[in-house]
Amino acid sequence: MRSLDKIWQAMVGNPVKTIVITAVFIRITIVMVYGQMTPYPDSEGYMSLGLRFLNLDLSGYEGERSPGYPFLLALCSLPFISSHGIIPLGILLPQLIMGIVALVLLYKICLLLGKEKGLALAVTLIFTAYIPAVFFEMAVLTETLSLFVISLIFYFFFQEIAGDRNRLVWLVILCSYLVLIKPFYIFLPFVLLAIFLLKKRSLKYILIFIFPLLAFLGWSYVNKINTGYFVSTTFYGFNLAQNCVSFAENTTPEFQQIGDIYAKYRDNRTTDKEESMAIWEAYPELTENTGLSFPDLSKKLYDYSIATIKKNPGSYLGQVFISWCDFWKTSLYWEPHNFAVPEAGQPVLYITYAERILFQLIKILFVLLIPYNIIRGIRKRKVEPPFIISLVVLTASLLQAFVTYGTNSRFSFPFESLILISVVLNLIMYRKKKATQ
């Protein structure tokens, strides 16, 4: 027992080194037994835009993806360019490094919030051992980059709130880049601005919203030039249509053909998970029947969605609730049958299953604590970390639920470390309150 205490004290004495060594060991192990950088259906759009950046040619681009991740993909893939495009392997090492740095930032955030080294290290090691996060680092998807940038934002944000250092410039740059990674995050600068105005009462913080808004509008203008539509992504119509999947055919006469085709592919599906992707199964037939380009069809689907939602408000709200609940699930993106070491697949499966159960329980507890954190913050007029995190994550959960259905849990992944911090802070507050009674 004493030897374990000595080991722990040594770890607490060298927290960053402990985090990095543990994280590197886990990542080397997973890379060796998994042995692949996995592309997914979304990956093609990122790599395609990344190749356009390398060729310095956006002419004819149909606006599917925003530039934040493809630009990084292009930079990291320079040594791996082939005649067939960008090889996904180029982003592997940068994403593994981003994952490790995000863990160090998690530890630093815990310290900023007044937690002792031992507790901060324990919280960080919990997330360090979370293997689903490592599999995101081995996928050509935006989640790892989003987690990294959001971790940086909140690290600088809590420093700025504490008044330790002037981090406004970094916050402006990072929030602007985050919006270019995924336009959905345009809400975050607005929420942070509101908190700064409540806490600091200085108009200089309006920059934290103005520049991300300019980035959002700037890329929308690029899409306007290329597609004729002033939108951040031409997926918008398809995304909203996903929320109409359960009542697709109950639409107006103008859009009945689209609704019938959509419903046909929905009814051919066998599970709820697959049902959310029915609009993409219907895409080839919709294109053939309408003769529209991707941007034009997306606009058509947007108009269809608005008309259909107006006709079925109750069904739409029911679908929004399903999407909201799905946000709180955990994600695992991997190819379980394609391990480089097949014997490792089953043990890794059991470990990730146990970890996902743990994080699912943490998320459920966080959801239950959201009303308490927000009401407590309003009543006491205190902008405390649990209030801030609850407000940000609740806003994200609601906004994504209103605009899309399918893979909703991916929206929550970049916030999972913050969710863990918030739950730990609440438990500490509970223990202190109980001790004083």
Protein backbone atom coordinates (compact mmCIF):
# COMPACT_ATOMS: atom_id res chain seq x y z
CA MET A 1 0.00 0.00 0.00
CA ARG A 2 2.85 2.34 0.86
CA SER A 3 4.48 1.64 -2.49
CA LEU A 4 1.24 2.61 -4.26
CA ASP A 5 1.13 5.82 -2.25
CA LYS A 6 4.70 6.58 -3.26
CA ILE A 7 3.89 5.95 -6.92
CA TRP A 8 0.86 8.23 -6.72
CA GLN A 9 2.82 10.96 -4.99
CA ALA A 10 5.48 10.70 -7.69
CA MET A 11 2.76 11.03 -10.33
CA VAL A 12 1.25 14.05 -8.58
CA GLY A 13 4.71 15.56 -8.36
CA ASN A 14 5.09 15.24 -12.14
CA PRO A 15 1.51 15.60 -13.40
CA VAL A 16 2.12 16.73 -16.98
CA LYS A 17 4.78 14.07 -17.51
CA THR A 18 2.39 11.45 -16.08
CA ILE A 19 -0.42 12.54 -18.40
CA VAL A 20 1.80 12.61 -21.48
CA ILE A 21 3.45 9.23 -20.77
CA THR A 22 0.09 7.57 -20.07
CA ALA A 23 -1.52 9.12 -23.15
CA VAL A 24 1.41 8.19 -25.41
CA PHE A 25 1.42 4.60 -24.12
CA ILE A 26 -2.32 4.18 -24.77
CA ARG A 27 -2.06 5.71 -28.24
CA ILE A 28 0.94 3.62 -29.28
CA THR A 29 -0.89 0.50 -28.10
CA ILE A 30 -4.07 1.34 -30.04
CA VAL A 31 -2.13 2.34 -33.17
CA MET A 32 -0.24 -0.97 -33.10
CA VAL A 33 -3.27 -3.22 -32.60
CA TYR A 34 -5.68 -1.20 -34.78
CA GLY A 35 -3.21 -0.22 -37.47
CA GLN A 36 -5.27 2.09 -39.67
CA MET A 37 -6.40 5.65 -40.22
CA THR A 38 -10.11 5.27 -40.88
CA PRO A 39 -12.00 7.36 -43.45
CA TYR A 40 -15.78 7.66 -43.13
CA PRO A 41 -18.47 8.94 -45.52
CA ASP A 42 -17.91 12.48 -44.20
CA SER A 43 -14.17 12.18 -44.83
CA GLU A 44 -14.45 12.36 -48.60
CA GLY A 45 -15.78 15.92 -48.48
CA TYR A 46 -12.98 17.07 -46.18
CA MET A 47 -10.28 15.49 -48.34
CA SER A 48 -11.83 16.84 -51.53
CA LEU A 49 -11.81 20.41 -50.23
CA GLY A 50 -8.32 19.90 -48.81
CA LEU A 51 -7.09 18.92 -52.27
CA ARG A 52 -8.70 22.04 -53.72
CA PHE A 53 -6.75 24.13 -51.21
CA LEU A 54 -3.53 22.44 -52.30
CA ASN A 55 -4.40 23.15 -55.93
CA LEU A 56 -5.43 26.73 -55.03
CA ASP A 57 -8.65 26.22 -56.95
CA LEU A 58 -12.16 26.55 -55.49
CA SER A 59 -13.87 27.02 -58.84
CA GLY A 60 -16.91 24.80 -59.15
CA TYR A 61 -16.84 23.86 -55.47
CA GLU A 62 -20.37 23.00 -54.32
CA GLY A 63 -19.95 24.21 -50.74
CA GLU A 64 -20.47 21.00 -48.81
CA ARG A 65 -17.79 21.57 -46.18
CA SER A 66 -16.41 24.52 -44.25
CA PRO A 67 -12.65 25.12 -44.58
CA GLY A 68 -11.25 24.71 -41.05
CA TYR A 69 -10.53 20.97 -41.04
CA PRO A 70 -9.81 20.55 -44.78
CA PHE A 71 -7.19 23.32 -44.58
CA LEU A 72 -5.41 21.53 -41.74
CA LEU A 73 -5.77 18.26 -43.62
CA ALA A 74 -4.12 19.85 -46.64
CA LEU A 75 -1.20 21.19 -44.60
CA CYS A 76 -0.60 17.90 -42.82
CA SER A 77 -0.92 15.86 -46.00
CA LEU A 78 1.70 17.73 -48.03
CA PRO A 79 4.27 14.90 -47.78
CA PHE A 80 1.64 12.31 -48.69
CA ILE A 81 0.06 13.82 -51.81
CA SER A 82 -0.55 11.34 -54.58
CA SER A 83 -2.18 11.52 -57.97
CA HIS A 84 -5.32 10.12 -56.36
CA GLY A 85 -5.69 12.90 -53.80
CA ILE A 86 -4.82 13.26 -50.14
CA ILE A 87 -3.82 10.17 -48.16
CA PRO A 88 -5.55 10.15 -44.72
CA LEU A 89 -2.36 9.00 -42.96
CA GLY A 90 -1.03 12.57 -43.04
CA ILE A 91 -3.39 13.74 -40.30
CA LEU A 92 -2.75 10.81 -37.91
CA LEU A 93 0.24 12.14 -35.96
CA PRO A 94 -1.13 15.71 -35.69
CA GLN A 95 -4.43 14.40 -34.34
CA LEU A 96 -2.71 12.14 -31.82
CA ILE A 97 -0.67 15.14 -30.64
CA MET A 98 -3.81 17.31 -30.44
CA GLY A 99 -5.47 14.64 -28.31
CA ILE A 100 -2.53 14.60 -25.88
CA VAL A 101 -2.35 18.41 -25.68
CA ALA A 102 -6.11 18.51 -25.02
CA LEU A 103 -5.53 16.24 -22.01
CA VAL A 104 -2.85 18.57 -20.63
CA LEU A 105 -5.26 21.47 -21.14
CA LEU A 106 -7.93 19.55 -19.22
CA TYR A 107 -5.50 19.26 -16.30
CA LYS A 108 -4.62 22.96 -16.54
CA ILE A 109 -8.30 23.92 -16.58
CA CYS A 110 -8.89 21.91 -13.41
CA LEU A 111 -6.05 23.83 -11.73
CA LEU A 112 -7.48 27.15 -12.94
CA LEU A 113 -10.77 26.25 -11.29
CA GLY A 114 -9.01 25.89 -7.94
CA LYS A 115 -8.68 22.14 -7.71
CA GLU A 116 -5.65 20.56 -6.07
CA LYS A 117 -3.07 18.75 -8.18
CA GLY A 118 -4.10 15.26 -7.09
CA LEU A 119 -7.75 15.73 -7.98
CA ALA A 120 -6.92 17.51 -11.25
CA LEU A 121 -4.62 14.64 -12.23
CA ALA A 122 -7.20 11.99 -11.30
CA VAL A 123 -9.89 13.70 -13.40
CA THR A 124 -7.50 14.02 -16.34
CA LEU A 125 -6.39 10.38 -16.15
CA ILE A 126 -10.01 9.28 -16.36
CA PHE A 127 -10.32 11.02 -19.72
CA THR A 128 -6.81 9.93 -20.74
CA ALA A 129 -7.94 6.31 -20.53
CA TYR A 130 -11.07 6.97 -22.62
CA ILE A 131 -10.31 4.87 -25.71
CA PRO A 132 -13.22 6.15 -27.89
CA ALA A 133 -11.42 9.52 -27.93
CA VAL A 134 -8.31 7.79 -29.33
CA PHE A 135 -10.36 6.22 -32.12
CA PHE A 136 -11.61 9.69 -33.08
CA GLU A 137 -7.95 10.68 -33.38
CA MET A 138 -7.56 7.83 -35.86
CA ALA A 139 -10.51 8.94 -37.99
CA VAL A 140 -10.66 11.56 -40.74
CA LEU A 141 -13.31 13.54 -38.87
CA THR A 142 -13.45 16.95 -37.20
CA GLU A 143 -14.05 15.76 -33.64
CA THR A 144 -10.43 15.69 -32.45
CA LEU A 145 -9.68 19.14 -33.87
CA SER A 146 -12.91 20.49 -32.37
CA LEU A 147 -12.02 19.04 -28.96
CA PHE A 148 -8.53 20.53 -29.17
CA VAL A 149 -9.73 24.03 -30.13
CA ILE A 150 -12.59 24.03 -27.61
CA SER A 151 -10.15 22.95 -24.87
CA LEU A 152 -7.87 25.85 -25.79
CA ILE A 153 -10.81 28.26 -25.83
CA PHE A 154 -11.95 27.30 -22.35
CA TYR A 155 -8.40 27.31 -21.01
CA PHE A 156 -7.94 30.90 -22.17
CA PHE A 157 -11.53 31.78 -21.24
CA PHE A 158 -11.11 30.76 -17.60
CA GLN A 159 -7.77 32.60 -17.50
CA GLU A 160 -9.50 35.74 -18.80
CA ILE A 161 -12.36 35.34 -16.33
CA ALA A 162 -9.88 35.00 -13.46
CA GLY A 163 -8.08 38.13 -14.64
CA ASP A 164 -4.71 36.38 -14.65
CA ARG A 165 -3.78 37.32 -18.19
CA ASN A 166 -5.18 39.11 -21.22
CA ARG A 167 -6.28 36.29 -23.50
CA LEU A 168 -8.82 38.16 -25.62
CA VAL A 169 -6.77 38.02 -28.84
CA TRP A 170 -6.31 34.26 -28.54
CA LEU A 171 -10.01 33.80 -27.83
CA VAL A 172 -10.95 35.83 -30.91
CA ILE A 173 -8.60 33.81 -33.14
CA LEU A 174 -9.65 30.43 -31.76
CA CYS A 175 -13.39 31.17 -31.84
CA SER A 176 -13.06 32.36 -35.44
CA TYR A 177 -11.23 29.19 -36.42
CA LEU A 178 -13.74 27.02 -34.55
CA VAL A 179 -16.56 28.48 -36.63
CA LEU A 180 -14.60 27.57 -39.77
CA ILE A 181 -14.21 24.00 -38.50
CA LYS A 182 -17.95 23.66 -38.03
CA PRO A 183 -20.31 26.64 -38.57
CA PHE A 184 -22.62 25.16 -35.94
CA TYR A 185 -20.25 26.56 -33.30
CA ILE A 186 -21.22 30.15 -34.14
CA PHE A 187 -23.33 30.01 -30.97
CA LEU A 188 -20.27 29.60 -28.70
CA PRO A 189 -18.74 33.09 -29.20
CA PHE A 190 -22.18 34.59 -28.54
CA VAL A 191 -22.58 32.67 -25.26
CA LEU A 192 -19.04 33.55 -24.17
CA LEU A 193 -19.69 37.21 -25.01
CA ALA A 194 -22.82 37.19 -22.85
CA ILE A 195 -20.84 35.71 -19.95
CA PHE A 196 -18.04 38.26 -20.35
CA LEU A 197 -20.54 41.13 -20.37
CA LEU A 198 -22.11 39.80 -17.18
CA LYS A 199 -18.79 39.19 -15.48
CA LYS A 200 -16.49 41.90 -16.84
CA ARG A 201 -18.92 44.57 -18.14
CA SER A 202 -16.52 45.67 -20.88
CA LEU A 203 -17.52 46.25 -24.50
CA LYS A 204 -14.10 45.14 -25.76
CA TYR A 205 -15.35 41.56 -25.49
CA ILE A 206 -17.73 42.14 -28.38
CA LEU A 207 -14.71 41.29 -30.56
CA ILE A 208 -15.11 37.68 -29.47
CA PHE A 209 -18.35 37.58 -31.47
CA ILE A 210 -17.65 40.03 -34.30
CA PHE A 211 -14.64 38.23 -35.78
CA PRO A 212 -16.17 34.72 -35.69
CA LEU A 213 -19.27 36.22 -37.29
CA LEU A 214 -17.10 37.74 -40.02
CA ALA A 215 -15.46 34.34 -40.56
CA PHE A 216 -18.91 32.74 -40.81
CA LEU A 217 -20.18 35.36 -43.25
CA GLY A 218 -16.93 35.34 -45.23
CA TRP A 219 -17.10 31.63 -45.98
CA SER A 220 -20.82 31.98 -46.74
CA TYR A 221 -19.87 34.60 -49.32
CA VAL A 222 -17.35 32.20 -50.88
CA ASN A 223 -20.17 29.69 -51.21
CA LYS A 224 -22.38 32.41 -52.69
CA ILE A 225 -19.78 32.96 -55.42
CA ASN A 226 -19.46 29.25 -56.18
CA THR A 227 -23.03 28.02 -55.71
CA GLY A 228 -25.29 31.07 -55.76
CA TYR A 229 -26.36 30.46 -52.15
CA PHE A 230 -25.21 32.55 -49.19
CA VAL A 231 -24.86 29.66 -46.73
CA SER A 232 -22.04 28.31 -44.58
CA THR A 233 -22.59 24.83 -45.99
CA THR A 234 -24.84 23.46 -48.71
CA PHE A 235 -25.69 20.52 -46.47
CA TYR A 236 -28.25 22.70 -44.68
CA GLY A 237 -31.26 21.42 -46.61
CA PHE A 238 -30.28 17.77 -46.21
CA ASN A 239 -29.61 18.24 -42.50
CA LEU A 240 -32.98 19.82 -41.81
CA ALA A 241 -34.71 17.19 -43.94
CA GLN A 242 -33.32 14.52 -41.62
CA ASN A 243 -35.60 15.89 -38.90
CA CYS A 244 -38.59 15.22 -41.18
CA VAL A 245 -37.85 11.53 -41.63
CA SER A 246 -40.72 10.21 -39.48
CA PHE A 247 -43.36 12.29 -41.31
CA ALA A 248 -41.67 12.71 -44.69
CA GLU A 249 -44.71 11.89 -46.82
CA ASN A 250 -47.10 14.16 -44.91
CA THR A 251 -46.14 17.29 -46.81
CA THR A 252 -47.71 19.89 -49.08
CA PRO A 253 -48.76 19.07 -52.68
CA GLU A 254 -45.84 21.10 -54.02
CA PHE A 255 -43.33 18.75 -52.40
CA GLN A 256 -45.31 15.49 -52.49
CA GLN A 257 -42.95 13.80 -54.95
CA ILE A 258 -39.96 14.52 -52.71
CA GLY A 259 -41.87 13.34 -49.64
CA ASP A 260 -42.92 10.08 -51.29
CA ILE A 261 -39.39 9.27 -52.47
CA TYR A 262 -38.00 10.10 -49.04
CA ALA A 263 -40.62 7.94 -47.29
CA LYS A 264 -39.91 5.03 -49.63
CA TYR A 265 -36.26 4.90 -48.57
CA ARG A 266 -37.20 5.42 -44.93
CA ASP A 267 -39.55 2.45 -44.99
CA ASN A 268 -36.88 0.26 -46.56
CA ARG A 269 -34.67 0.78 -43.52
CA THR A 270 -34.72 -1.63 -40.58
CA THR A 271 -33.38 0.32 -37.58
CA ASP A 272 -33.79 3.80 -36.13
CA LYS A 273 -30.09 4.47 -36.60
CA GLU A 274 -30.29 3.74 -40.30
CA GLU A 275 -33.57 5.63 -40.61
CA SER A 276 -31.86 8.95 -39.91
CA MET A 277 -29.70 8.45 -43.00
CA ALA A 278 -32.65 7.75 -45.34
CA ILE A 279 -32.37 11.13 -47.07
CA TRP A 280 -28.87 10.21 -48.24
CA GLU A 281 -30.13 6.88 -49.57
CA ALA A 282 -32.79 8.83 -51.46
CA TYR A 283 -30.28 11.37 -52.81
CA PRO A 284 -29.54 9.64 -56.17
CA GLU A 285 -33.23 9.22 -57.00
CA LEU A 286 -34.05 12.76 -55.88
CA THR A 287 -31.29 14.07 -58.13
CA GLU A 288 -32.56 12.01 -61.05
CA ASN A 289 -36.18 13.10 -60.57
CA THR A 290 -35.50 16.79 -59.99
CA GLY A 291 -32.49 17.23 -62.27
CA LEU A 292 -31.02 19.60 -59.69
CA SER A 293 -27.39 20.08 -58.68
CA PHE A 294 -26.39 19.37 -55.08
CA PRO A 295 -26.70 23.04 -53.94
CA ASP A 296 -30.03 23.47 -55.74
CA LEU A 297 -31.38 20.20 -54.35
CA SER A 298 -30.32 21.23 -50.85
CA LYS A 299 -32.28 24.48 -51.24
CA LYS A 300 -35.25 22.46 -52.51
CA LEU A 301 -35.01 20.15 -49.49
CA TYR A 302 -34.80 23.15 -47.19
CA ASP A 303 -38.03 24.55 -48.66
CA TYR A 304 -39.58 21.07 -48.42
CA SER A 305 -38.51 20.78 -44.78
CA ILE A 306 -39.94 24.17 -43.80
CA ALA A 307 -43.27 23.38 -45.47
CA THR A 308 -43.40 19.90 -43.95
CA ILE A 309 -42.48 21.09 -40.46
CA LYS A 310 -45.17 23.79 -40.60
CA LYS A 311 -47.69 21.08 -41.46
CA ASN A 312 -46.45 18.74 -38.71
CA PRO A 313 -45.24 20.89 -35.78
CA GLY A 314 -45.98 18.26 -33.15
CA SER A 315 -44.18 15.51 -35.04
CA TYR A 316 -41.24 17.83 -35.63
CA LEU A 317 -40.93 18.66 -31.93
CA GLY A 318 -41.08 14.94 -31.18
CA GLN A 319 -38.20 14.38 -33.59
CA VAL A 320 -36.29 17.27 -32.03
CA PHE A 321 -36.66 15.59 -28.65
CA ILE A 322 -35.25 12.34 -30.06
CA SER A 323 -32.30 14.25 -31.53
CA TRP A 324 -31.77 16.00 -28.20
CA CYS A 325 -31.71 12.69 -26.34
CA ASP A 326 -29.28 11.24 -28.90
CA PHE A 327 -26.92 14.16 -28.23
CA TRP A 328 -26.28 12.75 -24.76
CA LYS A 329 -25.22 9.33 -25.99
CA THR A 330 -21.56 8.36 -26.37
CA SER A 331 -19.81 7.85 -29.71
CA LEU A 332 -17.44 5.15 -30.93
CA TYR A 333 -16.09 5.42 -34.48
CA TRP A 334 -13.98 2.43 -35.43
CA GLU A 335 -13.86 -0.65 -37.64
CA PRO A 336 -14.07 -3.49 -35.06
CA HIS A 337 -13.49 -6.24 -37.62
CA ASN A 338 -10.43 -4.67 -39.24
CA PHE A 339 -7.87 -4.73 -36.42
CA ALA A 340 -4.28 -5.24 -37.51
CA VAL A 341 -4.08 -7.62 -34.54
CA PRO A 342 -7.45 -9.43 -34.69
CA GLU A 343 -7.03 -10.96 -31.22
CA ALA A 344 -7.03 -7.47 -29.71
CA GLY A 345 -10.47 -6.58 -31.05
CA GLN A 346 -12.49 -8.36 -28.36
CA PRO A 347 -10.58 -7.03 -25.31
CA VAL A 348 -10.68 -3.48 -26.71
CA LEU A 349 -14.41 -3.90 -27.32
CA TYR A 350 -15.03 -4.83 -23.67
CA ILE A 351 -12.89 -1.96 -22.38
CA THR A 352 -14.58 0.64 -24.58
CA TYR A 353 -18.00 -0.76 -23.66
CA ALA A 354 -17.23 -0.32 -19.94
CA GLU A 355 -15.84 3.17 -20.52
CA ARG A 356 -18.86 4.23 -22.52
CA ILE A 357 -21.17 3.02 -19.74
CA LEU A 358 -19.19 5.13 -17.26
CA PHE A 359 -19.33 8.23 -19.45
CA GLN A 360 -23.01 7.62 -20.19
CA LEU A 361 -23.70 7.72 -16.46
CA ILE A 362 -21.63 10.90 -16.15
CA LYS A 363 -23.62 12.51 -18.97
CA ILE A 364 -26.94 11.50 -17.40
CA LEU A 365 -25.84 13.00 -14.08
CA PHE A 366 -24.76 16.17 -15.90
CA VAL A 367 -28.17 16.49 -17.58
CA LEU A 368 -29.90 16.11 -14.21
CA LEU A 369 -27.64 18.81 -12.75
CA ILE A 370 -28.17 21.35 -15.58
CA PRO A 371 -31.34 22.91 -14.07
CA TYR A 372 -29.66 23.13 -10.66
CA ASN A 373 -26.51 24.77 -12.04
CA ILE A 374 -28.37 27.31 -14.16
CA ILE A 375 -31.01 28.19 -11.54
CA ARG A 376 -28.31 28.44 -8.85
CA GLY A 377 -26.24 30.74 -11.05
CA ILE A 378 -29.22 33.00 -11.75
CA ARG A 379 -30.39 33.12 -8.13
CA LYS A 380 -26.96 33.78 -6.65
CA ARG A 381 -25.92 35.97 -9.59
CA LYS A 382 -22.65 34.08 -9.75
CA VAL A 383 -21.01 33.08 -13.03
CA GLU A 384 -19.40 29.87 -11.79
CA PRO A 385 -17.82 27.10 -13.94
CA PRO A 386 -20.73 24.61 -13.58
CA PHE A 387 -23.13 27.37 -14.67
CA ILE A 388 -20.94 28.29 -17.66
CA ILE A 389 -20.42 24.70 -18.80
CA SER A 390 -24.10 23.82 -18.32
CA LEU A 391 -25.20 26.86 -20.31
CA VAL A 392 -22.80 26.16 -23.19
CA VAL A 393 -23.53 22.44 -23.47
CA LEU A 394 -27.30 22.86 -23.06
CA THR A 395 -27.28 25.46 -25.84
CA ALA A 396 -25.33 23.10 -28.09
CA SER A 397 -27.70 20.22 -27.36
CA LEU A 398 -30.79 22.25 -28.22
CA LEU A 399 -29.46 23.93 -31.35
CA GLN A 400 -28.21 20.71 -32.96
CA ALA A 401 -31.51 18.98 -32.17
CA PHE A 402 -33.50 21.60 -34.07
CA VAL A 403 -31.38 21.42 -37.24
CA THR A 404 -30.53 17.74 -37.77
CA TYR A 405 -31.15 14.12 -36.84
CA GLY A 406 -28.48 11.45 -37.08
CA THR A 407 -25.08 10.97 -35.41
CA ASN A 408 -26.16 13.59 -32.85
CA SER A 409 -23.79 12.24 -30.21
CA ARG A 410 -20.85 13.49 -32.27
CA PHE A 411 -21.93 17.03 -31.39
CA SER A 412 -21.42 16.31 -27.68
CA PHE A 413 -18.01 14.62 -27.92
CA PRO A 414 -15.92 17.85 -27.95
CA PHE A 415 -17.65 18.88 -24.71
CA GLU A 416 -17.21 15.59 -22.84
CA SER A 417 -14.12 16.68 -20.90
CA LEU A 418 -15.96 19.83 -19.78
CA ILE A 419 -18.95 17.72 -18.79
CA LEU A 420 -16.64 15.58 -16.65
CA ILE A 421 -15.19 18.69 -14.98
CA SER A 422 -18.66 20.09 -14.26
CA VAL A 423 -19.88 16.86 -12.65
CA VAL A 424 -16.76 16.63 -10.48
CA LEU A 425 -17.21 20.26 -9.37
CA ASN A 426 -20.83 19.55 -8.46
CA LEU A 427 -19.84 16.49 -6.43
CA ILE A 428 -17.23 18.54 -4.56
CA MET A 429 -19.80 21.25 -3.84
CA TYR A 430 -22.20 18.58 -2.55
CA ARG A 431 -19.58 17.08 -0.24
CA LYS A 432 -18.65 20.49 1.16
CA LYS A 433 -22.29 21.37 1.74
CA LYS A 434 -22.93 18.05 3.45
CA ALA A 435 -19.84 18.46 5.64
CA THR A 436 -21.07 21.82 6.95
CA GLN A 437 -24.50 20.50 7.92
